[in-house]
Amino acid sequence: MESLDVVVIGGGQAGLATGYHLQRLGLQFVILEEAQRVGQSWREHWDSLRLFTPARYDALPGLPFPAAAGSFPTKDDMAGYLEEYARRFALPVRLGTRARRVTRDGDRHLVDCGAAAFRATDVVMATGAHATPKIPDLAADIDPGILQVHARDYRNPGQLRAGAVLVVGAGNSGAEIAMEAAAAGHQTWLAGRPVGHIPSFAYAFGGRIFWFFANHVASRRHPLGRRVLAKMQSRGGPLIRLTIDEVVATGVQLAPRVEGVSQGRPVLADGRVLAPDSIVWCTGFGEDFSCFDSGVVEGPGFHVVGKPFQTRLASAFIGGVGSEAERIAKGIRARQERGRVPAPTSSRLSA
């Protein structure tokens, strides 16, 4: 069993940024990544996905994004960048390693990964905002003849059956997938509460107005930021780089929320019953704390980074997660310097 200062669970942008700052502070740590390759979660997004923020705001600390400042990188561009980031800073990423169980042992945490195990004073959960797909319970009552796929598993319109498509969830992912389905010739409905959009003036000056808003105004400390958070929690985040009028212009038909099922078909809030051939659930994701024993999450030495609106709107953005990671890393270092938890005296201990 290896003894360390910190175990970081998740090797995406949040975990790598945390590792960068832990490394600069001289802490002993490891980053656990379940996939066999850094950046794999990005490669598995739908084919046409581009980041919602321009490249100038898509860098992690210490390494600019290698693209024109005003361009919008593809998912594969981001995957390659993360892979290069881990290599450039020689971050200790353990690929193909999943944290199966995290328990407390006195003032330390034990992280069981099956073939490997770690003992650490602090654990950072950095699996990000897309750990577990959320699909409403009513999906189980949908006619099995209707194809159902969550946005996590959607790749392109070629997956969809011939005929009509219902996209559920009117946020950024839902809007873009609906536009793509309509462009491929499908009759397409986009169902969900309106989420609004970032006004066009926010993109002026290379997006600097929006970036200032996302970092300094849309904050838990700011009254306006708390109102933005409340709206996001009830309706989802606003459309970025897109308006609902642009969605409709592609032929997408807007529809209210799906609230039930009748004879295997989705029922809308206005009582209409739709007959889609395919449904794409763009209903978001949830965090996965299943590997943590009770008491670990509420106890000392447990940290989260990369959570949406952790302190501000930009908390989970590629370019915003670095400051959250720095805050967490400095907090861990300060905690250990106060002497509350002695640092490990050896890099390896017998099990």
Protein backbone atom coordinates (compact mmCIF):
# COMPACT_ATOMS: atom_id res chain seq x y z
CA MET A 1 0.00 0.00 0.00
CA GLU A 2 1.42 3.35 -1.03
CA SER A 3 1.37 6.20 1.48
CA LEU A 4 0.86 9.69 0.06
CA ASP A 5 -0.30 13.15 0.95
CA VAL A 6 -3.17 13.18 -1.55
CA VAL A 7 -5.12 10.85 -3.82
CA VAL A 8 -6.91 12.60 -6.68
CA ILE A 9 -9.81 10.59 -8.14
CA GLY A 10 -10.35 11.50 -11.79
CA GLY A 11 -7.79 12.34 -14.48
CA GLY A 12 -9.77 14.86 -16.52
CA GLN A 13 -9.21 18.62 -16.54
CA ALA A 14 -10.14 19.01 -12.86
CA GLY A 15 -7.83 16.25 -11.71
CA LEU A 16 -4.91 17.36 -13.87
CA ALA A 17 -5.22 20.98 -12.76
CA THR A 18 -5.28 19.81 -9.14
CA GLY A 19 -2.20 17.70 -9.78
CA TYR A 20 -0.38 20.67 -11.30
CA HIS A 21 -0.87 22.74 -8.15
CA LEU A 22 -0.13 19.86 -5.77
CA GLN A 23 3.11 19.27 -7.65
CA ARG A 24 4.12 22.92 -7.38
CA LEU A 25 3.50 22.77 -3.64
CA GLY A 26 5.75 19.74 -3.26
CA LEU A 27 3.07 17.31 -2.12
CA GLN A 28 3.17 13.56 -2.76
CA PHE A 29 0.12 12.49 -4.74
CA VAL A 30 -1.33 10.23 -7.40
CA ILE A 31 -4.12 10.82 -9.93
CA LEU A 32 -6.40 7.84 -10.53
CA GLU A 33 -7.95 7.62 -14.00
CA GLU A 34 -10.35 4.80 -14.82
CA ALA A 35 -9.84 5.08 -18.60
CA GLN A 36 -6.83 3.68 -20.40
CA ARG A 37 -5.95 7.06 -21.88
CA VAL A 38 -5.93 10.63 -20.59
CA GLY A 39 -8.74 12.66 -22.15
CA GLN A 40 -10.82 9.60 -23.05
CA SER A 41 -14.08 11.05 -21.68
CA TRP A 42 -13.76 13.89 -24.22
CA ARG A 43 -13.18 11.48 -27.08
CA GLU A 44 -16.44 9.75 -26.22
CA HIS A 45 -18.61 12.87 -26.65
CA TRP A 46 -20.71 13.27 -29.77
CA ASP A 47 -18.70 13.67 -32.97
CA SER A 48 -19.46 17.32 -33.82
CA LEU A 49 -19.04 18.73 -30.30
CA ARG A 50 -17.04 21.92 -29.98
CA LEU A 51 -16.28 23.67 -26.72
CA PHE A 52 -18.65 26.48 -25.78
CA THR A 53 -15.79 28.80 -24.87
CA PRO A 54 -13.01 30.04 -27.21
CA ALA A 55 -9.50 28.63 -27.00
CA ARG A 56 -8.17 31.65 -25.10
CA TYR A 57 -10.27 30.44 -22.13
CA ASP A 58 -9.70 26.70 -22.57
CA ALA A 59 -6.26 26.37 -21.01
CA LEU A 60 -5.27 24.73 -17.74
CA PRO A 61 -2.64 26.45 -15.58
CA GLY A 62 0.84 26.52 -17.05
CA LEU A 63 0.06 25.54 -20.65
CA PRO A 64 -1.76 27.73 -23.23
CA PHE A 65 -4.23 25.97 -25.50
CA PRO A 66 -2.55 25.42 -28.90
CA ALA A 67 -5.18 27.02 -31.14
CA ALA A 68 -6.23 30.43 -32.41
CA ALA A 69 -7.51 32.45 -29.47
CA GLY A 70 -10.96 32.99 -30.93
CA SER A 71 -11.50 29.46 -32.26
CA PHE A 72 -13.69 26.83 -30.62
CA PRO A 73 -11.74 23.58 -30.16
CA THR A 74 -13.22 20.19 -30.96
CA LYS A 75 -13.63 17.45 -28.40
CA ASP A 76 -10.61 15.65 -29.85
CA ASP A 77 -8.54 18.84 -29.67
CA MET A 78 -9.32 18.99 -25.94
CA ALA A 79 -8.55 15.30 -25.43
CA GLY A 80 -5.17 15.73 -27.09
CA TYR A 81 -4.44 18.83 -25.03
CA LEU A 82 -5.15 17.01 -21.77
CA GLU A 83 -2.90 14.14 -22.82
CA GLU A 84 -0.09 16.56 -23.62
CA TYR A 85 -0.69 18.42 -20.35
CA ALA A 86 -0.18 15.27 -18.29
CA ARG A 87 2.96 14.43 -20.28
CA ARG A 88 4.42 17.95 -20.19
CA PHE A 89 4.27 18.19 -16.41
CA ALA A 90 4.98 14.49 -15.81
CA LEU A 91 1.89 14.19 -13.63
CA PRO A 92 1.59 10.81 -11.82
CA VAL A 93 -1.54 9.55 -13.56
CA ARG A 94 -2.40 5.88 -12.98
CA LEU A 95 -4.41 4.84 -16.03
CA GLY A 96 -6.93 2.01 -15.88
CA THR A 97 -7.23 2.49 -12.14
CA ARG A 98 -10.65 2.98 -10.54
CA ALA A 99 -11.25 3.85 -6.91
CA ARG A 100 -13.52 1.04 -5.76
CA ARG A 101 -13.85 2.02 -2.12
CA VAL A 102 -12.67 4.93 0.04
CA THR A 103 -12.72 4.52 3.82
CA ARG A 104 -11.29 6.32 6.82
CA ASP A 105 -8.56 4.85 8.99
CA GLY A 106 -8.02 7.27 11.86
CA ASP A 107 -6.75 10.52 10.38
CA ARG A 108 -6.09 9.03 6.96
CA HIS A 109 -8.07 7.71 4.00
CA LEU A 110 -7.68 4.26 2.49
CA VAL A 111 -8.35 4.05 -1.23
CA ASP A 112 -8.90 0.54 -2.54
CA CYS A 113 -8.40 0.11 -6.29
CA GLY A 114 -8.32 -3.66 -6.40
CA ALA A 115 -4.83 -4.34 -7.70
CA ALA A 116 -3.50 -1.22 -5.96
CA ALA A 117 -4.25 0.58 -2.70
CA PHE A 118 -3.30 3.94 -1.25
CA ARG A 119 -3.22 5.58 2.16
CA ALA A 120 -3.49 9.38 2.09
CA THR A 121 -4.28 12.27 4.40
CA ASP A 122 -6.51 13.94 1.79
CA VAL A 123 -8.70 12.78 -1.07
CA VAL A 124 -9.86 15.00 -3.94
CA MET A 125 -12.88 13.97 -5.96
CA ALA A 126 -12.24 15.38 -9.45
CA THR A 127 -14.54 13.29 -11.60
CA GLY A 128 -16.23 16.46 -12.82
CA ALA A 129 -19.81 17.18 -13.72
CA HIS A 130 -20.46 14.19 -16.00
CA ALA A 131 -20.03 11.16 -13.79
CA THR A 132 -23.47 9.52 -13.99
CA PRO A 133 -26.13 10.14 -16.65
CA LYS A 134 -29.52 11.21 -15.30
CA ILE A 135 -32.55 9.77 -17.06
CA PRO A 136 -36.07 10.33 -15.70
CA ASP A 137 -37.87 7.31 -14.26
CA LEU A 138 -40.64 7.62 -16.83
CA ALA A 139 -38.17 6.45 -19.50
CA ALA A 140 -38.80 2.89 -18.28
CA ASP A 141 -42.42 3.17 -19.49
CA ILE A 142 -41.51 4.24 -23.03
CA ASP A 143 -42.40 1.75 -25.76
CA PRO A 144 -39.34 -0.49 -26.32
CA GLY A 145 -39.78 0.08 -30.04
CA ILE A 146 -38.62 3.68 -29.55
CA LEU A 147 -34.84 4.06 -29.49
CA GLN A 148 -33.61 5.80 -26.33
CA VAL A 149 -30.10 7.16 -25.89
CA HIS A 150 -28.58 9.54 -23.36
CA ALA A 151 -26.41 12.42 -24.57
CA ARG A 152 -23.39 10.65 -23.06
CA ASP A 153 -23.82 7.80 -25.54
CA TYR A 154 -24.98 9.85 -28.53
CA ARG A 155 -22.38 10.21 -31.30
CA ASN A 156 -24.15 11.35 -34.48
CA PRO A 157 -27.51 11.21 -36.28
CA GLY A 158 -26.52 7.90 -37.84
CA GLN A 159 -27.44 6.25 -34.53
CA LEU A 160 -31.02 7.47 -34.75
CA ARG A 161 -33.84 5.56 -36.36
CA ALA A 162 -35.52 6.85 -39.47
CA GLY A 163 -38.36 9.18 -38.56
CA ALA A 164 -39.04 11.68 -35.81
CA VAL A 165 -36.66 12.55 -33.01
CA LEU A 166 -37.49 13.91 -29.56
CA VAL A 167 -34.64 15.62 -27.73
CA VAL A 168 -35.45 16.09 -24.05
CA GLY A 169 -33.60 18.89 -22.30
CA ALA A 170 -33.25 22.37 -23.81
CA GLY A 171 -29.77 23.25 -22.57
CA ASN A 172 -26.64 23.53 -24.70
CA SER A 173 -26.28 19.82 -25.42
CA GLY A 174 -29.95 19.36 -26.23
CA ALA A 175 -30.06 22.39 -28.51
CA GLU A 176 -27.00 21.34 -30.49
CA ILE A 177 -28.08 17.71 -30.84
CA ALA A 178 -31.58 18.80 -31.90
CA MET A 179 -30.12 21.11 -34.57
CA GLU A 180 -27.93 18.27 -35.83
CA ALA A 181 -30.89 15.87 -36.02
CA ALA A 182 -32.98 18.43 -37.91
CA ALA A 183 -30.13 19.12 -40.32
CA ALA A 184 -29.96 15.36 -41.01
CA GLY A 185 -33.59 15.43 -42.16
CA HIS A 186 -35.41 14.27 -39.03
CA GLN A 187 -38.58 15.87 -37.79
CA THR A 188 -37.23 17.08 -34.47
CA TRP A 189 -38.80 18.27 -31.24
CA LEU A 190 -36.80 19.92 -28.47
CA ALA A 191 -38.65 19.56 -25.17
CA GLY A 192 -37.91 21.37 -21.95
CA ARG A 193 -38.15 24.60 -20.04
CA PRO A 194 -36.61 27.62 -21.75
CA VAL A 195 -33.17 28.28 -20.29
CA GLY A 196 -32.47 31.66 -21.90
CA HIS A 197 -29.14 32.54 -23.46
CA ILE A 198 -26.05 34.59 -22.87
CA PRO A 199 -26.69 37.97 -24.60
CA SER A 200 -24.64 38.67 -27.71
CA PHE A 201 -22.87 41.71 -26.22
CA ALA A 202 -21.19 39.37 -23.74
CA TYR A 203 -19.09 37.96 -26.57
CA ALA A 204 -17.66 41.37 -27.45
CA PHE A 205 -13.93 41.95 -27.03
CA GLY A 206 -13.14 38.32 -27.64
CA GLY A 207 -15.57 37.08 -25.00
CA ARG A 208 -13.89 39.04 -22.21
CA ILE A 209 -17.20 40.45 -20.95
CA PHE A 210 -18.68 36.97 -20.59
CA TRP A 211 -15.53 35.66 -18.91
CA PHE A 212 -15.58 38.51 -16.40
CA PHE A 213 -19.26 37.82 -15.71
CA ALA A 214 -18.69 34.06 -15.29
CA ASN A 215 -15.81 34.61 -12.85
CA HIS A 216 -16.67 37.72 -10.87
CA VAL A 217 -20.40 38.46 -11.13
CA ALA A 218 -21.99 35.00 -11.42
CA SER A 219 -20.53 34.05 -8.05
CA ARG A 220 -22.03 32.61 -4.88
CA ARG A 221 -20.77 35.74 -3.14
CA HIS A 222 -22.65 38.13 -5.43
CA PRO A 223 -26.44 38.68 -5.16
CA LEU A 224 -26.83 38.46 -8.94
CA GLY A 225 -24.72 35.32 -8.95
CA ARG A 226 -26.98 33.67 -6.40
CA ARG A 227 -29.99 34.48 -8.58
CA VAL A 228 -28.22 32.96 -11.60
CA LEU A 229 -27.48 29.84 -9.55
CA ALA A 230 -31.10 29.50 -8.42
CA LYS A 231 -32.29 29.76 -12.02
CA MET A 232 -29.73 27.20 -13.20
CA GLN A 233 -30.78 24.77 -10.49
CA SER A 234 -34.41 24.95 -11.59
CA ARG A 235 -33.97 25.24 -15.36
CA GLY A 236 -30.37 24.46 -16.29
CA GLY A 237 -27.60 26.69 -17.58
CA PRO A 238 -28.23 29.31 -20.28
CA LEU A 239 -27.41 28.67 -23.92
CA ILE A 240 -23.86 29.74 -24.73
CA ARG A 241 -22.84 30.83 -28.23
CA LEU A 242 -26.37 30.07 -29.38
CA THR A 243 -29.92 31.42 -29.11
CA ILE A 244 -33.23 29.57 -29.20
CA ASP A 245 -34.18 31.52 -32.34
CA GLU A 246 -31.15 30.04 -34.09
CA VAL A 247 -32.27 26.59 -32.98
CA VAL A 248 -35.77 27.11 -34.36
CA ALA A 249 -34.37 28.47 -37.62
CA THR A 250 -32.93 25.01 -38.38
CA GLY A 251 -36.41 23.48 -38.31
CA VAL A 252 -36.46 22.28 -34.70
CA GLN A 253 -39.92 22.43 -33.09
CA LEU A 254 -40.02 23.60 -29.49
CA ALA A 255 -42.12 21.68 -27.00
CA PRO A 256 -42.83 21.94 -23.26
CA ARG A 257 -41.50 19.46 -20.71
CA VAL A 258 -42.13 15.73 -20.94
CA GLU A 259 -44.25 14.93 -17.90
CA GLY A 260 -45.57 11.45 -18.45
CA VAL A 261 -46.10 8.44 -20.68
CA SER A 262 -49.31 7.21 -22.30
CA GLN A 263 -49.40 3.83 -24.03
CA GLY A 264 -45.63 3.93 -24.38
CA ARG A 265 -45.46 7.41 -25.82
CA PRO A 266 -44.17 10.60 -24.15
CA VAL A 267 -46.75 13.09 -22.92
CA LEU A 268 -45.93 16.80 -22.85
CA ALA A 269 -46.94 19.29 -20.17
CA ASP A 270 -49.59 20.70 -22.53
CA GLY A 271 -51.22 17.27 -22.90
CA ARG A 272 -49.89 16.42 -26.34
CA VAL A 273 -48.74 12.87 -26.94
CA LEU A 274 -45.76 12.58 -29.28
CA ALA A 275 -44.80 9.59 -31.42
CA PRO A 276 -41.02 9.80 -31.88
CA ASP A 277 -38.96 7.02 -33.35
CA SER A 278 -35.95 8.06 -31.26
CA ILE A 279 -35.48 9.92 -27.98
CA VAL A 280 -32.22 11.59 -26.93
CA TRP A 281 -32.14 12.32 -23.21
CA CYS A 282 -30.14 15.53 -22.60
CA THR A 283 -31.23 15.56 -18.99
CA GLY A 284 -27.89 16.07 -17.35
CA PHE A 285 -25.60 14.16 -15.05
CA GLY A 286 -25.21 13.46 -11.38
CA GLU A 287 -22.20 13.03 -9.12
CA ASP A 288 -21.17 9.53 -8.14
CA PHE A 289 -20.22 9.13 -4.48
CA SER A 290 -20.86 5.39 -4.44
CA CYS A 291 -17.24 4.45 -3.70
CA PHE A 292 -17.12 6.51 -0.49
CA ASP A 293 -18.06 5.00 2.84
CA SER A 294 -20.47 7.00 4.99
CA GLY A 295 -18.67 9.70 6.91
CA VAL A 296 -15.85 10.17 4.40
CA VAL A 297 -17.58 12.91 2.41
CA GLU A 298 -18.47 14.94 5.50
CA GLY A 299 -15.14 14.34 7.24
CA PRO A 300 -11.86 16.27 7.19
CA GLY A 301 -9.54 15.80 4.27
CA PHE A 302 -12.24 15.27 1.63
CA HIS A 303 -12.40 17.80 -1.22
CA VAL A 304 -14.27 18.29 -4.50
CA VAL A 305 -13.06 20.19 -7.55
CA GLY A 306 -14.71 20.69 -10.94
CA LYS A 307 -18.27 20.90 -9.63
CA PRO A 308 -20.59 23.28 -11.55
CA PHE A 309 -20.98 26.62 -9.73
CA GLN A 310 -18.73 25.44 -6.92
CA THR A 311 -17.91 29.07 -6.19
CA ARG A 312 -18.90 30.73 -9.48
CA LEU A 313 -20.31 30.00 -12.93
CA ALA A 314 -16.84 29.30 -14.35
CA SER A 315 -15.97 26.72 -11.66
CA ALA A 316 -16.40 23.75 -13.99
CA PHE A 317 -15.28 25.47 -17.19
CA ILE A 318 -11.94 24.33 -18.60
CA GLY A 319 -10.40 27.74 -18.07
CA GLY A 320 -12.01 28.23 -14.66
CA VAL A 321 -11.23 24.95 -12.94
CA GLY A 322 -7.57 25.87 -12.45
CA SER A 323 -8.28 28.51 -9.82
CA GLU A 324 -10.58 26.10 -7.97
CA ALA A 325 -7.84 23.48 -8.07
CA GLU A 326 -5.30 25.98 -6.76
CA ARG A 327 -7.59 26.91 -3.87
CA ILE A 328 -8.06 23.26 -2.92
CA ALA A 329 -4.34 22.45 -3.21
CA LYS A 330 -3.31 25.41 -1.07
CA GLY A 331 -5.92 24.43 1.52
CA ILE A 332 -4.51 20.91 1.69
CA ARG A 333 -0.98 22.24 2.07
CA ALA A 334 -2.01 24.67 4.80
CA ARG A 335 -3.85 21.92 6.65
CA GLN A 336 -0.76 19.74 6.68
CA GLU A 337 1.56 22.60 7.63
CA ARG A 338 -0.63 23.31 10.66
CA GLY A 339 0.37 19.88 11.83
CA ARG A 340 -3.14 18.49 12.10
CA VAL A 341 -2.13 15.50 10.00
CA PRO A 342 1.52 14.39 9.83
CA ALA A 343 2.91 13.98 6.33
CA PRO A 344 3.91 10.44 5.36
CA THR A 345 7.53 9.56 6.17
CA SER A 346 7.89 7.07 3.34
CA SER A 347 6.53 6.85 -0.17
CA ARG A 348 5.62 3.18 0.31
CA LEU A 349 4.32 1.18 3.26
CA SER A 350 3.57 -2.50 3.51
CA ALA A 351 -0.10 -3.39 3.33
